[in-house]
């Protein structure tokens, strides 16, 4: 198999990744919600807008526990690099702060 990769101009163990135009612009999220089961981690990326009582899940990513841990390590490493270049990121409230479900908009009832 490595001969085939070398014949295609790839280095061994190199992965080609395609980034399509519709995905390349990204999706904005200002809240993430993480849940897990014994076999997977689920990360919902949500967009909350001021004055709008309902947030919308923009994307859901399902990861194996192994890949979730790799993502966590990569995020820690990248936040550290970011802070070395740009300074400490200011956190807005402690972790565990209740999510403001009305996010500044009118109160809703279930």
PDB file of N, CA and C in Angstrom:
ATOM      1  N   UNK A   1       0.823  -1.192   0.000  1.00  0.00           N
ATOM      2  CA  UNK A   1       0.000   0.000   0.000  1.00  0.00           C
ATOM      3  C   UNK A   1       0.864   1.253   0.000  1.00  0.00           C
ATOM      4  N   UNK A   2       2.010   1.227   0.699  1.00  0.00           N
ATOM      5  CA  UNK A   2       2.860   2.406   0.718  1.00  0.00           C
ATOM      6  C   UNK A   2       3.432   2.698  -0.662  1.00  0.00           C
ATOM      7  N   UNK A   3       3.670   1.652  -1.480  1.00  0.00           N
ATOM      8  CA  UNK A   3       4.124   1.882  -2.847  1.00  0.00           C
ATOM      9  C   UNK A   3       3.080   2.667  -3.627  1.00  0.00           C
ATOM     10  N   UNK A   4       1.812   2.324  -3.415  1.00  0.00           N
ATOM     11  CA  UNK A   4       0.744   3.027  -4.111  1.00  0.00           C
ATOM     12  C   UNK A   4       0.729   4.498  -3.685  1.00  0.00           C
ATOM     13  N   UNK A   5       0.880   4.755  -2.377  1.00  0.00           N
ATOM     14  CA  UNK A   5       0.914   6.140  -1.897  1.00  0.00           C
ATOM     15  C   UNK A   5       2.093   6.889  -2.502  1.00  0.00           C
ATOM     16  N   UNK A   6       3.269   6.233  -2.573  1.00  0.00           N
ATOM     17  CA  UNK A   6       4.439   6.895  -3.138  1.00  0.00           C
ATOM     18  C   UNK A   6       4.244   7.166  -4.621  1.00  0.00           C
ATOM     19  N   UNK A   7       3.574   6.266  -5.333  1.00  0.00           N
ATOM     20  CA  UNK A   7       3.323   6.476  -6.750  1.00  0.00           C
ATOM     21  C   UNK A   7       2.379   7.647  -6.990  1.00  0.00           C
ATOM     22  N   UNK A   8       1.538   7.960  -6.016  1.00  0.00           N
ATOM     23  CA  UNK A   8       0.602   9.073  -6.147  1.00  0.00           C
ATOM     24  C   UNK A   8       1.208  10.382  -5.658  1.00  0.00           C
ATOM     25  N   UNK A   9       2.475  10.385  -5.291  1.00  0.00           N
ATOM     26  CA  UNK A   9       3.129  11.593  -4.840  1.00  0.00           C
ATOM     27  C   UNK A   9       2.903  11.886  -3.362  1.00  0.00           C
ATOM     28  N   UNK A  10       2.359  10.933  -2.629  1.00  0.00           N
ATOM     29  CA  UNK A  10       2.128  11.117  -1.197  1.00  0.00           C
ATOM     30  C   UNK A  10       3.272  10.520  -0.405  1.00  0.00           C
ATOM     31  N   UNK A  11       3.547  11.103   0.753  1.00  0.00           N
ATOM     32  CA  UNK A  11       4.495  10.520   1.679  1.00  0.00           C
ATOM     33  C   UNK A  11       3.780   9.418   2.449  1.00  0.00           C
ATOM     34  N   UNK A  12       4.502   8.401   2.892  1.00  0.00           N
ATOM     35  CA  UNK A  12       3.856   7.380   3.724  1.00  0.00           C
ATOM     36  C   UNK A  12       3.227   8.017   4.962  1.00  0.00           C
ATOM     37  N   UNK A  13       2.085   7.501   5.376  1.00  0.00           N
ATOM     38  CA  UNK A  13       1.346   7.992   6.549  1.00  0.00           C
ATOM     39  C   UNK A  13       0.776   9.397   6.369  1.00  0.00           C
ATOM     40  N   UNK A  14       0.711   9.905   5.167  1.00  0.00           N
ATOM     41  CA  UNK A  14       0.118  11.208   4.906  1.00  0.00           C
ATOM     42  C   UNK A  14      -1.337  11.008   4.508  1.00  0.00           C
ATOM     43  N   UNK A  15      -2.205  11.832   5.054  1.00  0.00           N
ATOM     44  CA  UNK A  15      -3.629  11.747   4.748  1.00  0.00           C
ATOM     45  C   UNK A  15      -4.015  12.956   3.907  1.00  0.00           C
ATOM     46  N   UNK A  16      -4.676  12.713   2.796  1.00  0.00           N
ATOM     47  CA  UNK A  16      -5.209  13.807   1.999  1.00  0.00           C
ATOM     48  C   UNK A  16      -6.597  14.145   2.520  1.00  0.00           C
ATOM     49  N   UNK A  17      -6.836  15.418   2.777  1.00  0.00           N
ATOM     50  CA  UNK A  17      -8.120  15.863   3.312  1.00  0.00           C
ATOM     51  C   UNK A  17      -8.692  16.912   2.368  1.00  0.00           C
ATOM     52  N   UNK A  18      -9.935  16.701   1.978  1.00  0.00           N
ATOM     53  CA  UNK A  18     -10.613  17.647   1.097  1.00  0.00           C
ATOM     54  C   UNK A  18     -11.445  18.613   1.931  1.00  0.00           C
ATOM     55  N   UNK A  19     -11.338  19.889   1.649  1.00  0.00           N
ATOM     56  CA  UNK A  19     -12.148  20.914   2.296  1.00  0.00           C
ATOM     57  C   UNK A  19     -13.013  21.541   1.208  1.00  0.00           C
ATOM     58  N   UNK A  20     -14.306  21.193   1.217  1.00  0.00           N
ATOM     59  CA  UNK A  20     -15.201  21.697   0.183  1.00  0.00           C
ATOM     60  C   UNK A  20     -15.525  23.169   0.417  1.00  0.00           C
ATOM     61  N   UNK A  21     -15.950  23.832  -0.621  1.00  0.00           N
ATOM     62  CA  UNK A  21     -16.224  25.266  -0.545  1.00  0.00           C
ATOM     63  C   UNK A  21     -17.329  25.576   0.464  1.00  0.00           C
ATOM     64  N   UNK A  22     -18.380  24.756   0.513  1.00  0.00           N
ATOM     65  CA  UNK A  22     -19.484  25.037   1.429  1.00  0.00           C
ATOM     66  C   UNK A  22     -19.079  24.862   2.889  1.00  0.00           C
ATOM     67  N   UNK A  23     -18.088  24.041   3.177  1.00  0.00           N
ATOM     68  CA  UNK A  23     -17.627  23.842   4.545  1.00  0.00           C
ATOM     69  C   UNK A  23     -16.518  24.837   4.901  1.00  0.00           C
ATOM     70  N   UNK A  24     -15.770  25.306   3.917  1.00  0.00           N
ATOM     71  CA  UNK A  24     -14.597  26.147   4.169  1.00  0.00           C
ATOM     72  C   UNK A  24     -14.914  27.480   4.835  1.00  0.00           C
ATOM     73  N   UNK A  25     -16.124  27.991   4.681  1.00  0.00           N
ATOM     74  CA  UNK A  25     -16.460  29.269   5.312  1.00  0.00           C
ATOM     75  C   UNK A  25     -16.746  29.117   6.797  1.00  0.00           C
ATOM     76  N   UNK A  26     -16.922  27.888   7.277  1.00  0.00           N
ATOM     77  CA  UNK A  26     -17.118  27.638   8.699  1.00  0.00           C
ATOM     78  C   UNK A  26     -18.529  27.928   9.150  1.00  0.00           C
ATOM     79  N   UNK A  27     -18.785  27.617  10.406  1.00  0.00           N
ATOM     80  CA  UNK A  27     -20.072  27.856  11.035  1.00  0.00           C
ATOM     81  C   UNK A  27     -19.825  28.500  12.382  1.00  0.00           C
ATOM     82  N   UNK A  28     -20.495  29.600  12.667  1.00  0.00           N
ATOM     83  CA  UNK A  28     -20.299  30.316  13.932  1.00  0.00           C
ATOM     84  C   UNK A  28     -21.041  29.616  15.059  1.00  0.00           C
ATOM     85  N   UNK A  29     -20.371  29.492  16.196  1.00  0.00           N
ATOM     86  CA  UNK A  29     -20.975  28.925  17.394  1.00  0.00           C
ATOM     87  C   UNK A  29     -20.447  29.684  18.602  1.00  0.00           C
ATOM     88  N   UNK A  30     -21.351  30.045  19.531  1.00  0.00           N
ATOM     89  CA  UNK A  30     -20.906  30.708  20.749  1.00  0.00           C
ATOM     90  C   UNK A  30     -21.268  29.902  21.994  1.00  0.00           C
ATOM     91  N   UNK A  31     -21.620  28.637  21.793  1.00  0.00           N
ATOM     92  CA  UNK A  31     -21.913  27.731  22.899  1.00  0.00           C
ATOM     93  C   UNK A  31     -21.708  26.307  22.408  1.00  0.00           C
ATOM     94  N   UNK A  32     -21.089  25.498  23.251  1.00  0.00           N
ATOM     95  CA  UNK A  32     -20.996  24.075  22.920  1.00  0.00           C
ATOM     96  C   UNK A  32     -21.510  23.275  24.107  1.00  0.00           C
ATOM     97  N   UNK A  33     -22.186  22.196  23.790  1.00  0.00           N
ATOM     98  CA  UNK A  33     -22.748  21.314  24.799  1.00  0.00           C
ATOM     99  C   UNK A  33     -22.173  19.924  24.529  1.00  0.00           C
ATOM    100  N   UNK A  34     -21.566  19.326  25.551  1.00  0.00           N
ATOM    101  CA  UNK A  34     -20.911  18.033  25.385  1.00  0.00           C
ATOM    102  C   UNK A  34     -21.606  17.003  26.259  1.00  0.00           C
ATOM    103  N   UNK A  35     -21.983  15.883  25.660  1.00  0.00           N
ATOM    104  CA  UNK A  35     -22.542  14.757  26.391  1.00  0.00           C
ATOM    105  C   UNK A  35     -21.781  13.508  25.959  1.00  0.00           C
ATOM    106  N   UNK A  36     -21.950  12.433  26.714  1.00  0.00           N
ATOM    107  CA  UNK A  36     -21.245  11.203  26.336  1.00  0.00           C
ATOM    108  C   UNK A  36     -22.013   9.971  26.779  1.00  0.00           C
ATOM    109  N   UNK A  37     -21.685   8.883  26.122  1.00  0.00           N
ATOM    110  CA  UNK A  37     -22.162   7.550  26.478  1.00  0.00           C
ATOM    111  C   UNK A  37     -20.903   6.701  26.650  1.00  0.00           C
ATOM    112  N   UNK A  38     -21.041   5.435  26.989  1.00  0.00           N
ATOM    113  CA  UNK A  38     -19.833   4.604  27.107  1.00  0.00           C
ATOM    114  C   UNK A  38     -19.035   4.495  25.805  1.00  0.00           C
ATOM    115  N   UNK A  39     -19.667   4.699  24.663  1.00  0.00           N
ATOM    116  CA  UNK A  39     -18.978   4.475  23.395  1.00  0.00           C
ATOM    117  C   UNK A  39     -18.731   5.717  22.550  1.00  0.00           C
ATOM    118  N   UNK A  40     -19.253   6.890  22.958  1.00  0.00           N
ATOM    119  CA  UNK A  40     -19.076   8.072  22.118  1.00  0.00           C
ATOM    120  C   UNK A  40     -19.242   9.363  22.910  1.00  0.00           C
ATOM    121  N   UNK A  41     -18.641  10.421  22.367  1.00  0.00           N
ATOM    122  CA  UNK A  41     -18.831  11.779  22.862  1.00  0.00           C
ATOM    123  C   UNK A  41     -19.608  12.530  21.788  1.00  0.00           C
ATOM    124  N   UNK A  42     -20.573  13.321  22.214  1.00  0.00           N
ATOM    125  CA  UNK A  42     -21.377  14.113  21.288  1.00  0.00           C
ATOM    126  C   UNK A  42     -21.160  15.575  21.631  1.00  0.00           C
ATOM    127  N   UNK A  43     -20.733  16.349  20.637  1.00  0.00           N
ATOM    128  CA  UNK A  43     -20.501  17.782  20.822  1.00  0.00           C
ATOM    129  C   UNK A  43     -21.474  18.522  19.918  1.00  0.00           C
ATOM    130  N   UNK A  44     -22.380  19.277  20.548  1.00  0.00           N
ATOM    131  CA  UNK A  44     -23.303  20.136  19.796  1.00  0.00           C
ATOM    132  C   UNK A  44     -22.766  21.560  19.828  1.00  0.00           C
ATOM    133  N   UNK A  45     -22.624  22.154  18.663  1.00  0.00           N
ATOM    134  CA  UNK A  45     -22.204  23.550  18.539  1.00  0.00           C
ATOM    135  C   UNK A  45     -23.460  24.372  18.281  1.00  0.00           C
ATOM    136  N   UNK A  46     -23.722  25.304  19.202  1.00  0.00           N
ATOM    137  CA  UNK A  46     -24.976  26.056  19.209  1.00  0.00           C
ATOM    138  C   UNK A  46     -24.690  27.527  18.934  1.00  0.00           C
ATOM    139  N   UNK A  47     -25.638  28.183  18.288  1.00  0.00           N
ATOM    140  CA  UNK A  47     -25.567  29.627  18.096  1.00  0.00           C
ATOM    141  C   UNK A  47     -26.727  30.257  18.856  1.00  0.00           C
ATOM    142  N   UNK A  48     -26.375  31.084  19.845  1.00  0.00           N
ATOM    143  CA  UNK A  48     -27.364  31.860  20.592  1.00  0.00           C
ATOM    144  C   UNK A  48     -27.268  33.306  20.148  1.00  0.00           C
ATOM    145  N   UNK A  49     -28.399  33.930  19.918  1.00  0.00           N
ATOM    146  CA  UNK A  49     -28.410  35.330  19.504  1.00  0.00           C
ATOM    147  C   UNK A  49     -29.106  36.167  20.564  1.00  0.00           C
ATOM    148  N   UNK A  50     -28.571  37.330  20.881  1.00  0.00           N
ATOM    149  CA  UNK A  50     -29.214  38.199  21.880  1.00  0.00           C
ATOM    150  C   UNK A  50     -30.650  38.521  21.477  1.00  0.00           C
ATOM    151  N   UNK A  51     -31.537  38.439  22.447  1.00  0.00           N
ATOM    152  CA  UNK A  51     -32.929  38.783  22.198  1.00  0.00           C
ATOM    153  C   UNK A  51     -33.747  37.683  21.549  1.00  0.00           C
ATOM    154  N   UNK A  52     -33.126  36.578  21.213  1.00  0.00           N
ATOM    155  CA  UNK A  52     -33.837  35.452  20.600  1.00  0.00           C
ATOM    156  C   UNK A  52     -33.906  34.346  21.646  1.00  0.00           C
ATOM    157  N   UNK A  53     -35.107  33.923  22.030  1.00  0.00           N
ATOM    158  CA  UNK A  53     -35.226  32.978  23.138  1.00  0.00           C
ATOM    159  C   UNK A  53     -34.831  31.540  22.816  1.00  0.00           C
ATOM    160  N   UNK A  54     -34.521  31.253  21.563  1.00  0.00           N
ATOM    161  CA  UNK A  54     -34.230  29.876  21.187  1.00  0.00           C
ATOM    162  C   UNK A  54     -32.907  29.806  20.430  1.00  0.00           C
ATOM    163  N   UNK A  55     -32.001  28.957  20.949  1.00  0.00           N
ATOM    164  CA  UNK A  55     -30.746  28.728  20.247  1.00  0.00           C
ATOM    165  C   UNK A  55     -30.929  27.640  19.207  1.00  0.00           C
ATOM    166  N   UNK A  56     -29.971  27.543  18.290  1.00  0.00           N
ATOM    167  CA  UNK A  56     -30.057  26.544  17.232  1.00  0.00           C
ATOM    168  C   UNK A  56     -28.742  25.780  17.152  1.00  0.00           C
ATOM    169  N   UNK A  57     -28.839  24.443  17.157  1.00  0.00           N
ATOM    170  CA  UNK A  57     -27.650  23.627  16.964  1.00  0.00           C
ATOM    171  C   UNK A  57     -27.215  23.807  15.510  1.00  0.00           C
ATOM    172  N   UNK A  58     -25.984  24.279  15.346  1.00  0.00           N
ATOM    173  CA  UNK A  58     -25.448  24.517  14.012  1.00  0.00           C
ATOM    174  C   UNK A  58     -24.751  23.275  13.455  1.00  0.00           C
ATOM    175  N   UNK A  59     -24.183  22.481  14.373  1.00  0.00           N
ATOM    176  CA  UNK A  59     -23.460  21.294  13.949  1.00  0.00           C
ATOM    177  C   UNK A  59     -23.362  20.331  15.126  1.00  0.00           C
ATOM    178  N   UNK A  60     -23.413  19.048  14.833  1.00  0.00           N
ATOM    179  CA  UNK A  60     -23.228  18.008  15.847  1.00  0.00           C
ATOM    180  C   UNK A  60     -22.088  17.116  15.369  1.00  0.00           C
ATOM    181  N   UNK A  61     -21.117  16.917  16.257  1.00  0.00           N
ATOM    182  CA  UNK A  61     -19.984  16.067  15.960  1.00  0.00           C
ATOM    183  C   UNK A  61     -19.997  14.904  16.948  1.00  0.00           C
ATOM    184  N   UNK A  62     -19.887  13.685  16.441  1.00  0.00           N
ATOM    185  CA  UNK A  62     -19.870  12.490  17.276  1.00  0.00           C
ATOM    186  C   UNK A  62     -18.472  11.886  17.177  1.00  0.00           C
ATOM    187  N   UNK A  63     -17.838  11.685  18.336  1.00  0.00           N
ATOM    188  CA  UNK A  63     -16.464  11.223  18.397  1.00  0.00           C
ATOM    189  C   UNK A  63     -16.350   9.943  19.214  1.00  0.00           C
ATOM    190  N   UNK A  64     -15.371   9.119  18.883  1.00  0.00           N
ATOM    191  CA  UNK A  64     -15.030   8.002  19.759  1.00  0.00           C
ATOM    192  C   UNK A  64     -14.327   8.582  20.988  1.00  0.00           C
ATOM    193  N   UNK A  65     -14.322   7.874  22.115  1.00  0.00           N
ATOM    194  CA  UNK A  65     -13.599   8.378  23.288  1.00  0.00           C
ATOM    195  C   UNK A  65     -12.129   8.682  22.994  1.00  0.00           C
ATOM    196  N   UNK A  66     -11.478   7.835  22.204  1.00  0.00           N
ATOM    197  CA  UNK A  66     -10.079   8.057  21.841  1.00  0.00           C
ATOM    198  C   UNK A  66      -9.907   9.370  21.085  1.00  0.00           C
ATOM    199  N   UNK A  67     -10.770   9.622  20.109  1.00  0.00           N
ATOM    200  CA  UNK A  67     -10.661  10.862  19.338  1.00  0.00           C
ATOM    201  C   UNK A  67     -11.066  12.076  20.160  1.00  0.00           C
ATOM    202  N   UNK A  68     -11.996  11.913  21.106  1.00  0.00           N
ATOM    203  CA  UNK A  68     -12.366  13.015  21.988  1.00  0.00           C
ATOM    204  C   UNK A  68     -11.164  13.443  22.828  1.00  0.00           C
ATOM    205  N   UNK A  69     -10.422  12.460  23.334  1.00  0.00           N
ATOM    206  CA  UNK A  69      -9.238  12.775  24.139  1.00  0.00           C
ATOM    207  C   UNK A  69      -8.161  13.445  23.289  1.00  0.00           C
ATOM    208  N   UNK A  70      -7.978  12.973  22.050  1.00  0.00           N
ATOM    209  CA  UNK A  70      -7.011  13.605  21.145  1.00  0.00           C
ATOM    210  C   UNK A  70      -7.425  15.042  20.835  1.00  0.00           C
ATOM    211  N   UNK A  71      -8.722  15.272  20.640  1.00  0.00           N
ATOM    212  CA  UNK A  71      -9.209  16.627  20.383  1.00  0.00           C
ATOM    213  C   UNK A  71      -8.959  17.517  21.594  1.00  0.00           C
ATOM    214  N   UNK A  72      -9.224  16.993  22.798  1.00  0.00           N
ATOM    215  CA  UNK A  72      -8.989  17.766  24.012  1.00  0.00           C
ATOM    216  C   UNK A  72      -7.517  18.183  24.113  1.00  0.00           C
ATOM    217  N   UNK A  73      -6.610  17.252  23.877  1.00  0.00           N
ATOM    218  CA  UNK A  73      -5.181  17.563  23.952  1.00  0.00           C
ATOM    219  C   UNK A  73      -4.786  18.594  22.896  1.00  0.00           C
ATOM    220  N   UNK A  74      -5.329  18.457  21.692  1.00  0.00           N
ATOM    221  CA  UNK A  74      -5.020  19.412  20.627  1.00  0.00           C
ATOM    222  C   UNK A  74      -5.562  20.800  20.961  1.00  0.00           C
ATOM    223  N   UNK A  75      -6.749  20.857  21.570  1.00  0.00           N
ATOM    224  CA  UNK A  75      -7.315  22.151  21.957  1.00  0.00           C
ATOM    225  C   UNK A  75      -6.461  22.816  23.040  1.00  0.00           C
ATOM    226  N   UNK A  76      -6.035  22.039  24.049  1.00  0.00           N
ATOM    227  CA  UNK A  76      -5.179  22.584  25.112  1.00  0.00           C
ATOM    228  C   UNK A  76      -3.893  23.146  24.510  1.00  0.00           C
ATOM    229  N   UNK A  77      -3.268  22.381  23.631  1.00  0.00           N
ATOM    230  CA  UNK A  77      -2.026  22.822  22.998  1.00  0.00           C
ATOM    231  C   UNK A  77      -2.237  24.099  22.191  1.00  0.00           C
ATOM    232  N   UNK A  78      -3.333  24.168  21.441  1.00  0.00           N
ATOM    233  CA  UNK A  78      -3.579  25.340  20.602  1.00  0.00           C
ATOM    234  C   UNK A  78      -3.976  26.567  21.409  1.00  0.00           C
ATOM    235  N   UNK A  79      -4.711  26.394  22.487  1.00  0.00           N
ATOM    236  CA  UNK A  79      -5.039  27.537  23.358  1.00  0.00           C
ATOM    237  C   UNK A  79      -3.756  28.076  23.986  1.00  0.00           C
ATOM    238  N   UNK A  80      -2.865  27.195  24.417  1.00  0.00           N
ATOM    239  CA  UNK A  80      -1.590  27.644  24.982  1.00  0.00           C
ATOM    240  C   UNK A  80      -0.785  28.440  23.964  1.00  0.00           C
ATOM    241  N   UNK A  81      -0.711  27.950  22.726  1.00  0.00           N
ATOM    242  CA  UNK A  81       0.008  28.663  21.670  1.00  0.00           C
ATOM    243  C   UNK A  81      -0.640  30.023  21.392  1.00  0.00           C
ATOM    244  N   UNK A  82      -1.975  30.051  21.352  1.00  0.00           N
ATOM    245  CA  UNK A  82      -2.699  31.298  21.121  1.00  0.00           C
ATOM    246  C   UNK A  82      -2.355  32.321  22.200  1.00  0.00           C
ATOM    247  N   UNK A  83      -2.409  31.863  23.475  1.00  0.00           N
ATOM    248  CA  UNK A  83      -2.156  32.779  24.591  1.00  0.00           C
ATOM    249  C   UNK A  83      -0.706  33.255  24.622  1.00  0.00           C
ATOM    250  N   UNK A  84       0.226  32.439  24.156  1.00  0.00           N
ATOM    251  CA  UNK A  84       1.621  32.880  24.064  1.00  0.00           C
ATOM    252  C   UNK A  84       1.763  34.015  23.054  1.00  0.00           C
ATOM    253  N   UNK A  85       0.996  33.961  21.983  1.00  0.00           N
ATOM    254  CA  UNK A  85       1.078  34.974  20.933  1.00  0.00           C
ATOM    255  C   UNK A  85       0.223  36.201  21.221  1.00  0.00           C
ATOM    256  N   UNK A  86      -0.967  36.002  21.820  1.00  0.00           N
ATOM    257  CA  UNK A  86      -1.947  37.084  21.921  1.00  0.00           C
ATOM    258  C   UNK A  86      -2.323  37.475  23.338  1.00  0.00           C
ATOM    259  N   UNK A  87      -1.803  36.786  24.326  1.00  0.00           N
ATOM    260  CA  UNK A  87      -2.157  37.071  25.712  1.00  0.00           C
ATOM    261  C   UNK A  87      -3.270  36.161  26.211  1.00  0.00           C
ATOM    262  N   UNK A  88      -3.483  36.218  27.511  1.00  0.00           N
ATOM    263  CA  UNK A  88      -4.455  35.349  28.162  1.00  0.00           C
ATOM    264  C   UNK A  88      -5.866  35.628  27.664  1.00  0.00           C
ATOM    265  N   UNK A  89      -6.590  34.576  27.402  1.00  0.00           N
ATOM    266  CA  UNK A  89      -7.984  34.691  26.979  1.00  0.00           C
ATOM    267  C   UNK A  89      -8.822  34.945  28.222  1.00  0.00           C
ATOM    268  N   UNK A  90      -9.617  35.999  28.199  1.00  0.00           N
ATOM    269  CA  UNK A  90     -10.483  36.328  29.323  1.00  0.00           C
ATOM    270  C   UNK A  90     -11.726  35.434  29.269  1.00  0.00           C
ATOM    271  N   UNK A  91     -11.971  34.738  30.372  1.00  0.00           N
ATOM    272  CA  UNK A  91     -13.159  33.896  30.462  1.00  0.00           C
ATOM    273  C   UNK A  91     -14.308  34.715  31.016  1.00  0.00           C
ATOM    274  N   UNK A  92     -15.486  34.522  30.467  1.00  0.00           N
ATOM    275  CA  UNK A  92     -16.683  35.238  30.889  1.00  0.00           C
ATOM    276  C   UNK A  92     -17.513  34.338  31.782  1.00  0.00           C
ATOM    277  N   UNK A  93     -17.170  34.287  33.054  1.00  0.00           N
ATOM    278  CA  UNK A  93     -17.900  33.456  34.006  1.00  0.00           C
ATOM    279  C   UNK A  93     -17.243  32.105  34.168  1.00  0.00           C
ATOM    280  N   UNK A  94     -17.399  31.503  35.335  1.00  0.00           N
ATOM    281  CA  UNK A  94     -16.772  30.210  35.597  1.00  0.00           C
ATOM    282  C   UNK A  94     -17.463  29.081  34.853  1.00  0.00           C
ATOM    283  N   UNK A  95     -16.729  27.973  34.639  1.00  0.00           N
ATOM    284  CA  UNK A  95     -17.356  26.786  34.055  1.00  0.00           C
ATOM    285  C   UNK A  95     -18.432  26.325  35.017  1.00  0.00           C
ATOM    286  N   UNK A  96     -19.481  25.805  34.484  1.00  0.00           N
ATOM    287  CA  UNK A  96     -20.579  25.381  35.330  1.00  0.00           C
ATOM    288  C   UNK A  96     -21.617  26.473  35.524  1.00  0.00           C
ATOM    289  N   UNK A  97     -21.341  27.664  34.970  1.00  0.00           N
ATOM    290  CA  UNK A  97     -22.325  28.728  35.034  1.00  0.00           C
ATOM    291  C   UNK A  97     -23.557  28.295  34.252  1.00  0.00           C
ATOM    292  N   UNK A  98     -24.747  28.446  34.833  1.00  0.00           N
ATOM    293  CA  UNK A  98     -25.943  28.037  34.088  1.00  0.00           C
ATOM    294  C   UNK A  98     -26.043  28.756  32.752  1.00  0.00           C
ATOM    295  N   UNK A  99     -26.490  28.025  31.752  1.00  0.00           N
ATOM    296  CA  UNK A  99     -26.657  28.606  30.421  1.00  0.00           C
ATOM    297  C   UNK A  99     -27.856  29.545  30.462  1.00  0.00           C
ATOM    298  N   UNK A 100     -27.679  30.803  30.050  1.00  0.00           N
ATOM    299  CA  UNK A 100     -28.811  31.744  30.067  1.00  0.00           C
ATOM    300  C   UNK A 100     -29.774  31.414  28.936  1.00  0.00           C
ATOM    301  N   UNK A 101     -30.741  30.577  29.242  1.00  0.00           N
ATOM    302  CA  UNK A 101     -31.618  30.076  28.194  1.00  0.00           C
ATOM    303  C   UNK A 101     -32.406  31.172  27.466  1.00  0.00           C
ATOM    304  N   UNK A 102     -32.626  32.299  28.113  1.00  0.00           N
ATOM    305  CA  UNK A 102     -33.316  33.350  27.366  1.00  0.00           C
ATOM    306  C   UNK A 102     -32.306  34.325  26.745  1.00  0.00           C
ATOM    307  N   UNK A 103     -31.055  34.245  27.141  1.00  0.00           N
ATOM    308  CA  UNK A 103     -29.944  35.020  26.555  1.00  0.00           C
ATOM    309  C   UNK A 103     -30.309  36.489  26.345  1.00  0.00           C
ATOM    310  N   UNK A 104     -30.957  37.068  27.347  1.00  0.00           N
ATOM    311  CA  UNK A 104     -31.279  38.489  27.275  1.00  0.00           C
ATOM    312  C   UNK A 104     -32.610  38.794  26.625  1.00  0.00           C
ATOM    313  N   UNK A 105     -33.281  37.821  26.108  1.00  0.00           N
ATOM    314  CA  UNK A 105     -34.572  38.035  25.460  1.00  0.00           C
ATOM    315  C   UNK A 105     -35.703  37.865  26.439  1.00  0.00           C
ATOM    316  N   UNK A 106     -36.916  37.880  25.945  1.00  0.00           N
ATOM    317  CA  UNK A 106     -38.081  37.724  26.836  1.00  0.00           C
ATOM    318  C   UNK A 106     -38.100  36.322  27.447  1.00  0.00           C
ATOM    319  N   UNK A 107     -38.623  36.218  28.673  1.00  0.00           N
ATOM    320  CA  UNK A 107     -38.733  34.913  29.328  1.00  0.00           C
ATOM    321  C   UNK A 107     -39.756  34.051  28.594  1.00  0.00           C
ATOM    322  N   UNK A 108     -39.438  32.759  28.499  1.00  0.00           N
ATOM    323  CA  UNK A 108     -40.339  31.835  27.831  1.00  0.00           C
ATOM    324  C   UNK A 108     -40.811  30.790  28.839  1.00  0.00           C
ATOM    325  N   UNK A 109     -41.889  30.127  28.524  1.00  0.00           N
ATOM    326  CA  UNK A 109     -42.404  29.073  29.375  1.00  0.00           C
ATOM    327  C   UNK A 109     -42.496  27.784  28.583  1.00  0.00           C
ATOM    328  N   UNK A 110     -42.230  26.674  29.272  1.00  0.00           N
ATOM    329  CA  UNK A 110     -42.302  25.378  28.596  1.00  0.00           C
ATOM    330  C   UNK A 110     -43.701  24.823  28.663  1.00  0.00           C
TER     331      UNK A 110
END
